[in-house]
Amino acid sequence: RLDDARVDALVAQAPLSRYRPWIEDLRKDKPFQLEDRIEELF
């Protein structure tokens, strides 16, 4: 839910850049996420 532009800027910086592939991968799931409580129920 973080702003895409802000995330792009942060993952370009060390040491967070190590996790850039994981964060970018995670964001592909974004369109299919549900509300927190529904995700917890599932």
PDB file of all heavy atoms in Angstrom:
ATOM      1  N   ARG A   1       0.821  -1.219   0.000  1.00  0.00           N
ATOM      2  CA  ARG A   1       0.000   0.000   0.000  1.00  0.00           C
ATOM      3  C   ARG A   1       0.853   1.266   0.000  1.00  0.00           C
ATOM      4  O   ARG A   1       0.327   2.380  -0.098  1.00  0.00           O
ATOM      5  CB  ARG A   1      -0.949   0.001   1.197  1.00  0.00           C
ATOM      6  CG  ARG A   1      -2.156  -0.922   1.009  1.00  0.00           C
ATOM      7  CD  ARG A   1      -3.286  -0.591   1.964  1.00  0.00           C
ATOM      8  NE  ARG A   1      -2.967  -0.975   3.327  1.00  0.00           N
ATOM      9  CZ  ARG A   1      -3.306  -2.134   3.885  1.00  0.00           C
ATOM     10  NH1 ARG A   1      -3.977  -3.031   3.177  1.00  0.00           N
ATOM     11  NH2 ARG A   1      -2.992  -2.396   5.135  1.00  0.00           N
ATOM     12  N   LEU A   2       2.169   1.107   0.117  1.00  0.00           N
ATOM     13  CA  LEU A   2       3.055   2.274   0.072  1.00  0.00           C
ATOM     14  C   LEU A   2       3.059   2.862  -1.333  1.00  0.00           C
ATOM     15  O   LEU A   2       2.860   2.154  -2.321  1.00  0.00           O
ATOM     16  CB  LEU A   2       4.476   1.881   0.475  1.00  0.00           C
ATOM     17  CG  LEU A   2       4.673   1.353   1.901  1.00  0.00           C
ATOM     18  CD1 LEU A   2       6.129   0.961   2.118  1.00  0.00           C
ATOM     19  CD2 LEU A   2       4.248   2.391   2.931  1.00  0.00           C
ATOM     20  N   ASP A   3       3.318   4.144  -1.427  1.00  0.00           N
ATOM     21  CA  ASP A   3       3.348   4.840  -2.704  1.00  0.00           C
ATOM     22  C   ASP A   3       4.409   4.226  -3.621  1.00  0.00           C
ATOM     23  O   ASP A   3       5.561   4.022  -3.212  1.00  0.00           O
ATOM     24  CB  ASP A   3       3.659   6.324  -2.483  1.00  0.00           C
ATOM     25  CG  ASP A   3       3.746   7.085  -3.789  1.00  0.00           C
ATOM     26  OD1 ASP A   3       2.709   7.306  -4.421  1.00  0.00           O
ATOM     27  OD2 ASP A   3       4.886   7.431  -4.176  1.00  0.00           O
ATOM     28  N   ASP A   4       4.017   3.905  -4.859  1.00  0.00           N
ATOM     29  CA  ASP A   4       4.928   3.239  -5.781  1.00  0.00           C
ATOM     30  C   ASP A   4       6.200   4.050  -6.024  1.00  0.00           C
ATOM     31  O   ASP A   4       7.311   3.500  -6.041  1.00  0.00           O
ATOM     32  CB  ASP A   4       4.231   2.983  -7.117  1.00  0.00           C
ATOM     33  CG  ASP A   4       3.198   1.870  -7.031  1.00  0.00           C
ATOM     34  OD1 ASP A   4       3.207   1.131  -6.033  1.00  0.00           O
ATOM     35  OD2 ASP A   4       2.381   1.747  -7.971  1.00  0.00           O
ATOM     36  N   ALA A   5       6.053   5.337  -6.234  1.00  0.00           N
ATOM     37  CA  ALA A   5       7.222   6.180  -6.510  1.00  0.00           C
ATOM     38  C   ALA A   5       8.180   6.190  -5.314  1.00  0.00           C
ATOM     39  O   ALA A   5       9.408   6.161  -5.492  1.00  0.00           O
ATOM     40  CB  ALA A   5       6.775   7.600  -6.851  1.00  0.00           C
ATOM     41  N   ARG A   6       7.615   6.229  -4.106  1.00  0.00           N
ATOM     42  CA  ARG A   6       8.457   6.237  -2.910  1.00  0.00           C
ATOM     43  C   ARG A   6       9.198   4.905  -2.774  1.00  0.00           C
ATOM     44  O   ARG A   6      10.385   4.874  -2.450  1.00  0.00           O
ATOM     45  CB  ARG A   6       7.581   6.484  -1.669  1.00  0.00           C
ATOM     46  CG  ARG A   6       8.344   6.524  -0.347  1.00  0.00           C
ATOM     47  CD  ARG A   6       9.406   7.595  -0.344  1.00  0.00           C
ATOM     48  NE  ARG A   6      10.064   7.708   0.959  1.00  0.00           N
ATOM     49  CZ  ARG A   6      11.248   8.314   1.150  1.00  0.00           C
ATOM     50  NH1 ARG A   6      11.892   8.864   0.110  1.00  0.00           N
ATOM     51  NH2 ARG A   6      11.776   8.390   2.339  1.00  0.00           N
ATOM     52  N   VAL A   7       8.510   3.816  -3.037  1.00  0.00           N
ATOM     53  CA  VAL A   7       9.153   2.499  -2.953  1.00  0.00           C
ATOM     54  C   VAL A   7      10.271   2.387  -3.980  1.00  0.00           C
ATOM     55  O   VAL A   7      11.372   1.898  -3.672  1.00  0.00           O
ATOM     56  CB  VAL A   7       8.116   1.370  -3.161  1.00  0.00           C
ATOM     57  CG1 VAL A   7       8.819   0.016  -3.285  1.00  0.00           C
ATOM     58  CG2 VAL A   7       7.138   1.335  -1.997  1.00  0.00           C
ATOM     59  N   ASP A   8      10.013   2.845  -5.212  1.00  0.00           N
ATOM     60  CA  ASP A   8      11.035   2.804  -6.254  1.00  0.00           C
ATOM     61  C   ASP A   8      12.280   3.569  -5.832  1.00  0.00           C
ATOM     62  O   ASP A   8      13.414   3.132  -6.086  1.00  0.00           O
ATOM     63  CB  ASP A   8      10.494   3.383  -7.562  1.00  0.00           C
ATOM     64  CG  ASP A   8       9.452   2.483  -8.210  1.00  0.00           C
ATOM     65  OD1 ASP A   8       9.406   1.286  -7.863  1.00  0.00           O
ATOM     66  OD2 ASP A   8       8.694   2.983  -9.060  1.00  0.00           O
ATOM     67  N   ALA A   9      12.077   4.697  -5.190  1.00  0.00           N
ATOM     68  CA  ALA A   9      13.219   5.497  -4.750  1.00  0.00           C
ATOM     69  C   ALA A   9      13.991   4.803  -3.632  1.00  0.00           C
ATOM     70  O   ALA A   9      15.235   4.824  -3.607  1.00  0.00           O
ATOM     71  CB  ALA A   9      12.736   6.873  -4.275  1.00  0.00           C
ATOM     72  N   LEU A  10      13.268   4.171  -2.723  1.00  0.00           N
ATOM     73  CA  LEU A  10      13.920   3.537  -1.571  1.00  0.00           C
ATOM     74  C   LEU A  10      14.691   2.283  -1.975  1.00  0.00           C
ATOM     75  O   LEU A  10      15.796   2.041  -1.476  1.00  0.00           O
ATOM     76  CB  LEU A  10      12.883   3.200  -0.504  1.00  0.00           C
ATOM     77  CG  LEU A  10      12.253   4.387   0.228  1.00  0.00           C
ATOM     78  CD1 LEU A  10      11.150   3.920   1.173  1.00  0.00           C
ATOM     79  CD2 LEU A  10      13.315   5.157   1.015  1.00  0.00           C
ATOM     80  N   VAL A  11      14.108   1.447  -2.858  1.00  0.00           N
ATOM     81  CA  VAL A  11      14.781   0.197  -3.203  1.00  0.00           C
ATOM     82  C   VAL A  11      16.025   0.425  -4.055  1.00  0.00           C
ATOM     83  O   VAL A  11      16.827  -0.494  -4.247  1.00  0.00           O
ATOM     84  CB  VAL A  11      13.830  -0.788  -3.931  1.00  0.00           C
ATOM     85  CG1 VAL A  11      12.690  -1.205  -3.026  1.00  0.00           C
ATOM     86  CG2 VAL A  11      13.324  -0.211  -5.246  1.00  0.00           C
ATOM     87  N   ALA A  12      16.192   1.642  -4.543  1.00  0.00           N
ATOM     88  CA  ALA A  12      17.412   1.972  -5.289  1.00  0.00           C
ATOM     89  C   ALA A  12      18.577   2.268  -4.349  1.00  0.00           C
ATOM     90  O   ALA A  12      19.722   2.385  -4.792  1.00  0.00           O
ATOM     91  CB  ALA A  12      17.153   3.172  -6.199  1.00  0.00           C
ATOM     92  N   GLN A  13      18.290   2.378  -3.049  1.00  0.00           N
ATOM     93  CA  GLN A  13      19.314   2.734  -2.070  1.00  0.00           C
ATOM     94  C   GLN A  13      19.757   1.516  -1.265  1.00  0.00           C
ATOM     95  O   GLN A  13      18.944   0.661  -0.909  1.00  0.00           O
ATOM     96  CB  GLN A  13      18.770   3.797  -1.097  1.00  0.00           C
ATOM     97  CG  GLN A  13      18.240   5.064  -1.752  1.00  0.00           C
ATOM     98  CD  GLN A  13      17.573   5.988  -0.747  1.00  0.00           C
ATOM     99  OE1 GLN A  13      18.028   6.122   0.388  1.00  0.00           O
ATOM    100  NE2 GLN A  13      16.483   6.616  -1.173  1.00  0.00           N
ATOM    101  N   ALA A  14      21.043   1.484  -0.968  1.00  0.00           N
ATOM    102  CA  ALA A  14      21.556   0.453  -0.064  1.00  0.00           C
ATOM    103  C   ALA A  14      21.190   0.843   1.369  1.00  0.00           C
ATOM    104  O   ALA A  14      21.074   2.036   1.680  1.00  0.00           O
ATOM    105  CB  ALA A  14      23.070   0.347  -0.213  1.00  0.00           C
ATOM    106  N   PRO A  15      20.975  -0.138   2.269  1.00  0.00           N
ATOM    107  CA  PRO A  15      21.066  -1.577   2.041  1.00  0.00           C
ATOM    108  C   PRO A  15      19.748  -2.218   1.566  1.00  0.00           C
ATOM    109  O   PRO A  15      19.702  -3.405   1.323  1.00  0.00           O
ATOM    110  CB  PRO A  15      21.444  -2.105   3.415  1.00  0.00           C
ATOM    111  CG  PRO A  15      20.733  -1.185   4.361  1.00  0.00           C
ATOM    112  CD  PRO A  15      20.773   0.178   3.707  1.00  0.00           C
ATOM    113  N   LEU A  16      18.675  -1.406   1.426  1.00  0.00           N
ATOM    114  CA  LEU A  16      17.377  -1.964   1.035  1.00  0.00           C
ATOM    115  C   LEU A  16      17.423  -2.560  -0.363  1.00  0.00           C
ATOM    116  O   LEU A  16      16.640  -3.454  -0.683  1.00  0.00           O
ATOM    117  CB  LEU A  16      16.301  -0.873   1.112  1.00  0.00           C
ATOM    118  CG  LEU A  16      14.855  -1.330   0.869  1.00  0.00           C
ATOM    119  CD1 LEU A  16      14.420  -2.363   1.908  1.00  0.00           C
ATOM    120  CD2 LEU A  16      13.904  -0.133   0.862  1.00  0.00           C
ATOM    121  N   SER A  17      18.365  -2.106  -1.194  1.00  0.00           N
ATOM    122  CA  SER A  17      18.461  -2.596  -2.569  1.00  0.00           C
ATOM    123  C   SER A  17      18.670  -4.108  -2.637  1.00  0.00           C
ATOM    124  O   SER A  17      18.339  -4.733  -3.641  1.00  0.00           O
ATOM    125  CB  SER A  17      19.600  -1.885  -3.303  1.00  0.00           C
ATOM    126  OG  SER A  17      20.816  -2.013  -2.573  1.00  0.00           O
ATOM    127  N   ARG A  18      19.214  -4.699  -1.560  1.00  0.00           N
ATOM    128  CA  ARG A  18      19.366  -6.161  -1.540  1.00  0.00           C
ATOM    129  C   ARG A  18      18.012  -6.847  -1.722  1.00  0.00           C
ATOM    130  O   ARG A  18      17.912  -7.893  -2.364  1.00  0.00           O
ATOM    131  CB  ARG A  18      19.996  -6.620  -0.228  1.00  0.00           C
ATOM    132  CG  ARG A  18      19.792  -8.111   0.039  1.00  0.00           C
ATOM    133  CD  ARG A  18      20.526  -8.656   1.238  1.00  0.00           C
ATOM    134  NE  ARG A  18      20.002  -9.951   1.646  1.00  0.00           N
ATOM    135  CZ  ARG A  18      20.106 -11.092   0.971  1.00  0.00           C
ATOM    136  NH1 ARG A  18      20.731 -11.106  -0.189  1.00  0.00           N
ATOM    137  NH2 ARG A  18      19.585 -12.211   1.430  1.00  0.00           N
ATOM    138  N   TYR A  19      16.953  -6.261  -1.151  1.00  0.00           N
ATOM    139  CA  TYR A  19      15.622  -6.876  -1.193  1.00  0.00           C
ATOM    140  C   TYR A  19      14.767  -6.362  -2.346  1.00  0.00           C
ATOM    141  O   TYR A  19      13.575  -6.653  -2.400  1.00  0.00           O
ATOM    142  CB  TYR A  19      14.902  -6.642   0.141  1.00  0.00           C
ATOM    143  CG  TYR A  19      15.511  -7.437   1.278  1.00  0.00           C
ATOM    144  CD1 TYR A  19      16.365  -6.832   2.187  1.00  0.00           C
ATOM    145  CD2 TYR A  19      15.257  -8.797   1.413  1.00  0.00           C
ATOM    146  CE1 TYR A  19      16.945  -7.556   3.228  1.00  0.00           C
ATOM    147  CE2 TYR A  19      15.821  -9.533   2.445  1.00  0.00           C
ATOM    148  CZ  TYR A  19      16.667  -8.909   3.343  1.00  0.00           C
ATOM    149  OH  TYR A  19      17.240  -9.641   4.362  1.00  0.00           O
ATOM    150  N   ARG A  20      15.386  -5.640  -3.263  1.00  0.00           N
ATOM    151  CA  ARG A  20      14.621  -5.098  -4.386  1.00  0.00           C
ATOM    152  C   ARG A  20      13.883  -6.194  -5.168  1.00  0.00           C
ATOM    153  O   ARG A  20      12.686  -6.029  -5.468  1.00  0.00           O
ATOM    154  CB  ARG A  20      15.551  -4.318  -5.320  1.00  0.00           C
ATOM    155  CG  ARG A  20      14.828  -3.710  -6.509  1.00  0.00           C
ATOM    156  CD  ARG A  20      15.735  -2.796  -7.315  1.00  0.00           C
ATOM    157  NE  ARG A  20      14.983  -2.019  -8.283  1.00  0.00           N
ATOM    158  CZ  ARG A  20      15.378  -0.873  -8.812  1.00  0.00           C
ATOM    159  NH1 ARG A  20      16.540  -0.367  -8.446  1.00  0.00           N
ATOM    160  NH2 ARG A  20      14.633  -0.229  -9.685  1.00  0.00           N
ATOM    161  N   PRO A  21      14.531  -7.323  -5.513  1.00  0.00           N
ATOM    162  CA  PRO A  21      13.795  -8.364  -6.259  1.00  0.00           C
ATOM    163  C   PRO A  21      12.578  -8.879  -5.500  1.00  0.00           C
ATOM    164  O   PRO A  21      11.520  -9.102  -6.105  1.00  0.00           O
ATOM    165  CB  PRO A  21      14.834  -9.482  -6.428  1.00  0.00           C
ATOM    166  CG  PRO A  21      16.157  -8.796  -6.329  1.00  0.00           C
ATOM    167  CD  PRO A  21      15.949  -7.706  -5.322  1.00  0.00           C
ATOM    168  N   TRP A  22      12.708  -9.043  -4.194  1.00  0.00           N
ATOM    169  CA  TRP A  22      11.581  -9.550  -3.394  1.00  0.00           C
ATOM    170  C   TRP A  22      10.451  -8.535  -3.352  1.00  0.00           C
ATOM    171  O   TRP A  22       9.276  -8.886  -3.506  1.00  0.00           O
ATOM    172  CB  TRP A  22      12.047  -9.877  -1.971  1.00  0.00           C
ATOM    173  CG  TRP A  22      10.935 -10.365  -1.086  1.00  0.00           C
ATOM    174  CD1 TRP A  22      10.311 -11.570  -1.142  1.00  0.00           C
ATOM    175  CD2 TRP A  22      10.298  -9.642  -0.029  1.00  0.00           C
ATOM    176  NE1 TRP A  22       9.326 -11.657  -0.177  1.00  0.00           N
ATOM    177  CE2 TRP A  22       9.300 -10.484   0.519  1.00  0.00           C
ATOM    178  CE3 TRP A  22      10.479  -8.367   0.514  1.00  0.00           C
ATOM    179  CZ2 TRP A  22       8.486 -10.097   1.578  1.00  0.00           C
ATOM    180  CZ3 TRP A  22       9.668  -7.978   1.575  1.00  0.00           C
ATOM    181  CH2 TRP A  22       8.686  -8.836   2.095  1.00  0.00           C
ATOM    182  N   ILE A  23      10.786  -7.270  -3.166  1.00  0.00           N
ATOM    183  CA  ILE A  23       9.765  -6.218  -3.091  1.00  0.00           C
ATOM    184  C   ILE A  23       9.067  -6.055  -4.440  1.00  0.00           C
ATOM    185  O   ILE A  23       7.835  -5.939  -4.511  1.00  0.00           O
ATOM    186  CB  ILE A  23      10.395  -4.884  -2.627  1.00  0.00           C
ATOM    187  CG1 ILE A  23      10.874  -5.010  -1.170  1.00  0.00           C
ATOM    188  CG2 ILE A  23       9.404  -3.743  -2.759  1.00  0.00           C
ATOM    189  CD1 ILE A  23      11.695  -3.830  -0.675  1.00  0.00           C
ATOM    190  N   GLU A  24       9.831  -6.074  -5.519  1.00  0.00           N
ATOM    191  CA  GLU A  24       9.228  -5.953  -6.847  1.00  0.00           C
ATOM    192  C   GLU A  24       8.340  -7.159  -7.145  1.00  0.00           C
ATOM    193  O   GLU A  24       7.271  -7.024  -7.763  1.00  0.00           O
ATOM    194  CB  GLU A  24      10.318  -5.803  -7.905  1.00  0.00           C
ATOM    195  CG  GLU A  24      11.034  -4.453  -7.825  1.00  0.00           C
ATOM    196  CD  GLU A  24      12.118  -4.308  -8.872  1.00  0.00           C
ATOM    197  OE1 GLU A  24      12.520  -5.344  -9.477  1.00  0.00           O
ATOM    198  OE2 GLU A  24      12.584  -3.171  -9.107  1.00  0.00           O
ATOM    199  N   ASP A  25       8.787  -8.333  -6.728  1.00  0.00           N
ATOM    200  CA  ASP A  25       7.989  -9.550  -6.899  1.00  0.00           C
ATOM    201  C   ASP A  25       6.687  -9.453  -6.119  1.00  0.00           C
ATOM    202  O   ASP A  25       5.610  -9.798  -6.608  1.00  0.00           O
ATOM    203  CB  ASP A  25       8.815 -10.741  -6.397  1.00  0.00           C
ATOM    204  CG  ASP A  25       8.634 -11.977  -7.254  1.00  0.00           C
ATOM    205  OD1 ASP A  25       8.279 -11.841  -8.434  1.00  0.00           O
ATOM    206  OD2 ASP A  25       8.843 -13.075  -6.726  1.00  0.00           O
ATOM    207  N   LEU A  26       6.798  -8.975  -4.896  1.00  0.00           N
ATOM    208  CA  LEU A  26       5.653  -8.842  -4.013  1.00  0.00           C
ATOM    209  C   LEU A  26       4.605  -7.907  -4.609  1.00  0.00           C
ATOM    210  O   LEU A  26       3.397  -8.164  -4.516  1.00  0.00           O
ATOM    211  CB  LEU A  26       6.126  -8.311  -2.655  1.00  0.00           C
ATOM    212  CG  LEU A  26       5.132  -8.313  -1.502  1.00  0.00           C
ATOM    213  CD1 LEU A  26       4.821  -9.730  -1.064  1.00  0.00           C
ATOM    214  CD2 LEU A  26       5.718  -7.524  -0.321  1.00  0.00           C
ATOM    215  N   ARG A  27       5.050  -6.867  -5.260  1.00  0.00           N
ATOM    216  CA  ARG A  27       4.130  -5.865  -5.779  1.00  0.00           C
ATOM    217  C   ARG A  27       3.315  -6.374  -6.969  1.00  0.00           C
ATOM    218  O   ARG A  27       2.283  -5.780  -7.320  1.00  0.00           O
ATOM    219  CB  ARG A  27       4.886  -4.585  -6.132  1.00  0.00           C
ATOM    220  CG  ARG A  27       5.463  -3.912  -4.874  1.00  0.00           C
ATOM    221  CD  ARG A  27       6.223  -2.648  -5.191  1.00  0.00           C
ATOM    222  NE  ARG A  27       5.356  -1.497  -5.341  1.00  0.00           N
ATOM    223  CZ  ARG A  27       4.780  -0.828  -4.345  1.00  0.00           C
ATOM    224  NH1 ARG A  27       4.961  -1.219  -3.095  1.00  0.00           N
ATOM    225  NH2 ARG A  27       4.018   0.220  -4.570  1.00  0.00           N
ATOM    226  N   LYS A  28       3.760  -7.488  -7.570  1.00  0.00           N
ATOM    227  CA  LYS A  28       2.958  -8.097  -8.626  1.00  0.00           C
ATOM    228  C   LYS A  28       1.670  -8.704  -8.068  1.00  0.00           C
ATOM    229  O   LYS A  28       0.708  -8.919  -8.802  1.00  0.00           O
ATOM    230  CB  LYS A  28       3.780  -9.161  -9.354  1.00  0.00           C
ATOM    231  CG  LYS A  28       4.947  -8.585 -10.140  1.00  0.00           C
ATOM    232  CD  LYS A  28       5.836  -9.673 -10.718  1.00  0.00           C
ATOM    233  CE  LYS A  28       7.045  -9.065 -11.429  1.00  0.00           C
ATOM    234  NZ  LYS A  28       7.989 -10.110 -11.897  1.00  0.00           N
ATOM    235  N   ASP A  29       1.670  -9.006  -6.764  1.00  0.00           N
ATOM    236  CA  ASP A  29       0.471  -9.547  -6.119  1.00  0.00           C
ATOM    237  C   ASP A  29      -0.539  -8.455  -5.759  1.00  0.00           C
ATOM    238  O   ASP A  29      -1.676  -8.762  -5.399  1.00  0.00           O
ATOM    239  CB  ASP A  29       0.850 -10.286  -4.825  1.00  0.00           C
ATOM    240  CG  ASP A  29       1.694 -11.513  -5.090  1.00  0.00           C
ATOM    241  OD1 ASP A  29       1.470 -12.160  -6.117  1.00  0.00           O
ATOM    242  OD2 ASP A  29       2.568 -11.822  -4.267  1.00  0.00           O
ATOM    243  N   LYS A  30      -0.115  -7.210  -5.831  1.00  0.00           N
ATOM    244  CA  LYS A  30      -0.916  -6.085  -5.333  1.00  0.00           C
ATOM    245  C   LYS A  30      -2.344  -6.045  -5.887  1.00  0.00           C
ATOM    246  O   LYS A  30      -3.300  -5.842  -5.116  1.00  0.00           O
ATOM    247  CB  LYS A  30      -0.186  -4.772  -5.636  1.00  0.00           C
ATOM    248  CG  LYS A  30      -0.810  -3.535  -5.021  1.00  0.00           C
ATOM    249  CD  LYS A  30       0.076  -2.311  -5.286  1.00  0.00           C
ATOM    250  CE  LYS A  30      -0.524  -1.046  -4.677  1.00  0.00           C
ATOM    251  NZ  LYS A  30       0.365   0.130  -4.858  1.00  0.00           N
ATOM    252  N   PRO A  31      -2.549  -6.241  -7.206  1.00  0.00           N
ATOM    253  CA  PRO A  31      -3.921  -6.155  -7.731  1.00  0.00           C
ATOM    254  C   PRO A  31      -4.862  -7.230  -7.179  1.00  0.00           C
ATOM    255  O   PRO A  31      -6.093  -7.096  -7.306  1.00  0.00           O
ATOM    256  CB  PRO A  31      -3.735  -6.330  -9.240  1.00  0.00           C
ATOM    257  CG  PRO A  31      -2.301  -6.010  -9.505  1.00  0.00           C
ATOM    258  CD  PRO A  31      -1.572  -6.461  -8.285  1.00  0.00           C
ATOM    259  N   PHE A  32      -4.307  -8.272  -6.572  1.00  0.00           N
ATOM    260  CA  PHE A  32      -5.129  -9.403  -6.150  1.00  0.00           C
ATOM    261  C   PHE A  32      -5.231  -9.523  -4.630  1.00  0.00           C
ATOM    262  O   PHE A  32      -5.751 -10.514  -4.123  1.00  0.00           O
ATOM    263  CB  PHE A  32      -4.552 -10.694  -6.749  1.00  0.00           C
ATOM    264  CG  PHE A  32      -4.339 -10.604  -8.239  1.00  0.00           C
ATOM    265  CD1 PHE A  32      -3.065 -10.375  -8.759  1.00  0.00           C
ATOM    266  CD2 PHE A  32      -5.409 -10.695  -9.115  1.00  0.00           C
ATOM    267  CE1 PHE A  32      -2.870 -10.260 -10.116  1.00  0.00           C
ATOM    268  CE2 PHE A  32      -5.217 -10.583 -10.475  1.00  0.00           C
ATOM    269  CZ  PHE A  32      -3.948 -10.365 -10.988  1.00  0.00           C
ATOM    270  N   GLN A  33      -4.731  -8.509  -3.930  1.00  0.00           N
ATOM    271  CA  GLN A  33      -4.829  -8.508  -2.472  1.00  0.00           C
ATOM    272  C   GLN A  33      -6.218  -8.082  -2.018  1.00  0.00           C
ATOM    273  O   GLN A  33      -6.900  -7.298  -2.687  1.00  0.00           O
ATOM    274  CB  GLN A  33      -3.813  -7.529  -1.877  1.00  0.00           C
ATOM    275  CG  GLN A  33      -2.387  -8.013  -1.935  1.00  0.00           C
ATOM    276  CD  GLN A  33      -1.417  -7.011  -1.328  1.00  0.00           C
ATOM    277  OE1 GLN A  33      -0.224  -7.228  -1.370  1.00  0.00           O
ATOM    278  NE2 GLN A  33      -1.925  -5.930  -0.775  1.00  0.00           N
ATOM    279  N   LEU A  34      -6.608  -8.592  -0.848  1.00  0.00           N
ATOM    280  CA  LEU A  34      -7.889  -8.236  -0.247  1.00  0.00           C
ATOM    281  C   LEU A  34      -7.640  -7.418   1.014  1.00  0.00           C
ATOM    282  O   LEU A  34      -6.491  -7.200   1.426  1.00  0.00           O
ATOM    283  CB  LEU A  34      -8.669  -9.513   0.079  1.00  0.00           C
ATOM    284  CG  LEU A  34      -8.918 -10.445  -1.109  1.00  0.00           C
ATOM    285  CD1 LEU A  34      -9.548 -11.751  -0.635  1.00  0.00           C
ATOM    286  CD2 LEU A  34      -9.807  -9.778  -2.152  1.00  0.00           C
ATOM    287  N   GLU A  35      -8.721  -6.986   1.634  1.00  0.00           N
ATOM    288  CA  GLU A  35      -8.587  -6.241   2.890  1.00  0.00           C
ATOM    289  C   GLU A  35      -7.932  -7.127   3.949  1.00  0.00           C
ATOM    290  O   GLU A  35      -8.050  -8.347   3.926  1.00  0.00           O
ATOM    291  CB  GLU A  35      -9.973  -5.797   3.374  1.00  0.00           C
ATOM    292  CG  GLU A  35     -10.708  -4.887   2.403  1.00  0.00           C
ATOM    293  CD  GLU A  35     -12.169  -4.718   2.808  1.00  0.00           C
ATOM    294  OE1 GLU A  35     -12.473  -4.871   4.007  1.00  0.00           O
ATOM    295  OE2 GLU A  35     -12.996  -4.469   1.927  1.00  0.00           O
ATOM    296  N   ASP A  36      -7.264  -6.487   4.892  1.00  0.00           N
ATOM    297  CA  ASP A  36      -6.483  -7.216   5.895  1.00  0.00           C
ATOM    298  C   ASP A  36      -7.292  -8.286   6.611  1.00  0.00           C
ATOM    299  O   ASP A  36      -6.836  -9.428   6.769  1.00  0.00           O
ATOM    300  CB  ASP A  36      -5.900  -6.240   6.927  1.00  0.00           C
ATOM    301  CG  ASP A  36      -4.791  -5.377   6.336  1.00  0.00           C
ATOM    302  OD1 ASP A  36      -4.743  -5.253   5.099  1.00  0.00           O
ATOM    303  OD2 ASP A  36      -3.985  -4.834   7.105  1.00  0.00           O
ATOM    304  N   ARG A  37      -8.493  -7.943   7.043  1.00  0.00           N
ATOM    305  CA  ARG A  37      -9.287  -8.887   7.831  1.00  0.00           C
ATOM    306  C   ARG A  37      -9.720 -10.083   6.978  1.00  0.00           C
ATOM    307  O   ARG A  37      -9.783 -11.219   7.472  1.00  0.00           O
ATOM    308  CB  ARG A  37     -10.519  -8.194   8.420  1.00  0.00           C
ATOM    309  CG  ARG A  37     -10.203  -7.142   9.467  1.00  0.00           C
ATOM    310  CD  ARG A  37      -9.683  -7.770  10.747  1.00  0.00           C
ATOM    311  NE  ARG A  37     -10.738  -8.458  11.502  1.00  0.00           N
ATOM    312  CZ  ARG A  37     -10.502  -9.237  12.543  1.00  0.00           C
ATOM    313  NH1 ARG A  37      -9.251  -9.485  12.926  1.00  0.00           N
ATOM    314  NH2 ARG A  37     -11.504  -9.815  13.191  1.00  0.00           N
ATOM    315  N   ILE A  38     -10.005  -9.837   5.706  1.00  0.00           N
ATOM    316  CA  ILE A  38     -10.383 -10.936   4.825  1.00  0.00           C
ATOM    317  C   ILE A  38      -9.184 -11.844   4.577  1.00  0.00           C
ATOM    318  O   ILE A  38      -9.306 -13.070   4.575  1.00  0.00           O
ATOM    319  CB  ILE A  38     -10.954 -10.400   3.500  1.00  0.00           C
ATOM    320  CG1 ILE A  38     -12.223  -9.596   3.757  1.00  0.00           C
ATOM    321  CG2 ILE A  38     -11.243 -11.554   2.531  1.00  0.00           C
ATOM    322  CD1 ILE A  38     -12.806  -8.945   2.523  1.00  0.00           C
ATOM    323  N   GLU A  39      -7.997 -11.236   4.393  1.00  0.00           N
ATOM    324  CA  GLU A  39      -6.781 -12.039   4.215  1.00  0.00           C
ATOM    325  C   GLU A  39      -6.522 -12.900   5.457  1.00  0.00           C
ATOM    326  O   GLU A  39      -6.130 -14.063   5.359  1.00  0.00           O
ATOM    327  CB  GLU A  39      -5.570 -11.129   3.955  1.00  0.00           C
ATOM    328  CG  GLU A  39      -5.579 -10.454   2.596  1.00  0.00           C
ATOM    329  CD  GLU A  39      -5.237 -11.395   1.451  1.00  0.00           C
ATOM    330  OE1 GLU A  39      -5.024 -12.600   1.702  1.00  0.00           O
ATOM    331  OE2 GLU A  39      -5.206 -10.943   0.295  1.00  0.00           O
ATOM    332  N   GLU A  40      -6.752 -12.339   6.630  1.00  0.00           N
ATOM    333  CA  GLU A  40      -6.564 -13.099   7.870  1.00  0.00           C
ATOM    334  C   GLU A  40      -7.550 -14.264   7.949  1.00  0.00           C
ATOM    335  O   GLU A  40      -7.194 -15.377   8.373  1.00  0.00           O
ATOM    336  CB  GLU A  40      -6.737 -12.180   9.077  1.00  0.00           C
ATOM    337  CG  GLU A  40      -5.581 -11.199   9.275  1.00  0.00           C
ATOM    338  CD  GLU A  40      -5.804 -10.282  10.472  1.00  0.00           C
ATOM    339  OE1 GLU A  40      -6.624 -10.646  11.362  1.00  0.00           O
ATOM    340  OE2 GLU A  40      -5.177  -9.210  10.526  1.00  0.00           O
ATOM    341  N   LEU A  41      -8.790 -14.009   7.530  1.00  0.00           N
ATOM    342  CA  LEU A  41      -9.798 -15.063   7.550  1.00  0.00           C
ATOM    343  C   LEU A  41      -9.413 -16.187   6.588  1.00  0.00           C
ATOM    344  O   LEU A  41      -9.471 -17.367   6.947  1.00  0.00           O
ATOM    345  CB  LEU A  41     -11.168 -14.493   7.173  1.00  0.00           C
ATOM    346  CG  LEU A  41     -12.319 -15.502   7.105  1.00  0.00           C
ATOM    347  CD1 LEU A  41     -12.565 -16.126   8.473  1.00  0.00           C
ATOM    348  CD2 LEU A  41     -13.593 -14.830   6.591  1.00  0.00           C
ATOM    349  N   PHE A  42      -9.020 -15.832   5.353  1.00  0.00           N
ATOM    350  CA  PHE A  42      -8.578 -16.836   4.385  1.00  0.00           C
ATOM    351  C   PHE A  42      -7.429 -17.657   4.964  1.00  0.00           C
ATOM    352  O   PHE A  42      -7.375 -18.880   4.817  1.00  0.00           O
ATOM    353  CB  PHE A  42      -8.113 -16.154   3.087  1.00  0.00           C
ATOM    354  CG  PHE A  42      -9.208 -15.956   2.068  1.00  0.00           C
ATOM    355  CD1 PHE A  42     -10.468 -15.503   2.443  1.00  0.00           C
ATOM    356  CD2 PHE A  42      -8.980 -16.189   0.721  1.00  0.00           C
ATOM    357  CE1 PHE A  42     -11.472 -15.305   1.509  1.00  0.00           C
ATOM    358  CE2 PHE A  42      -9.969 -15.994  -0.226  1.00  0.00           C
ATOM    359  CZ  PHE A  42     -11.219 -15.554   0.167  1.00  0.00           C
TER     360      PHE A  42
END
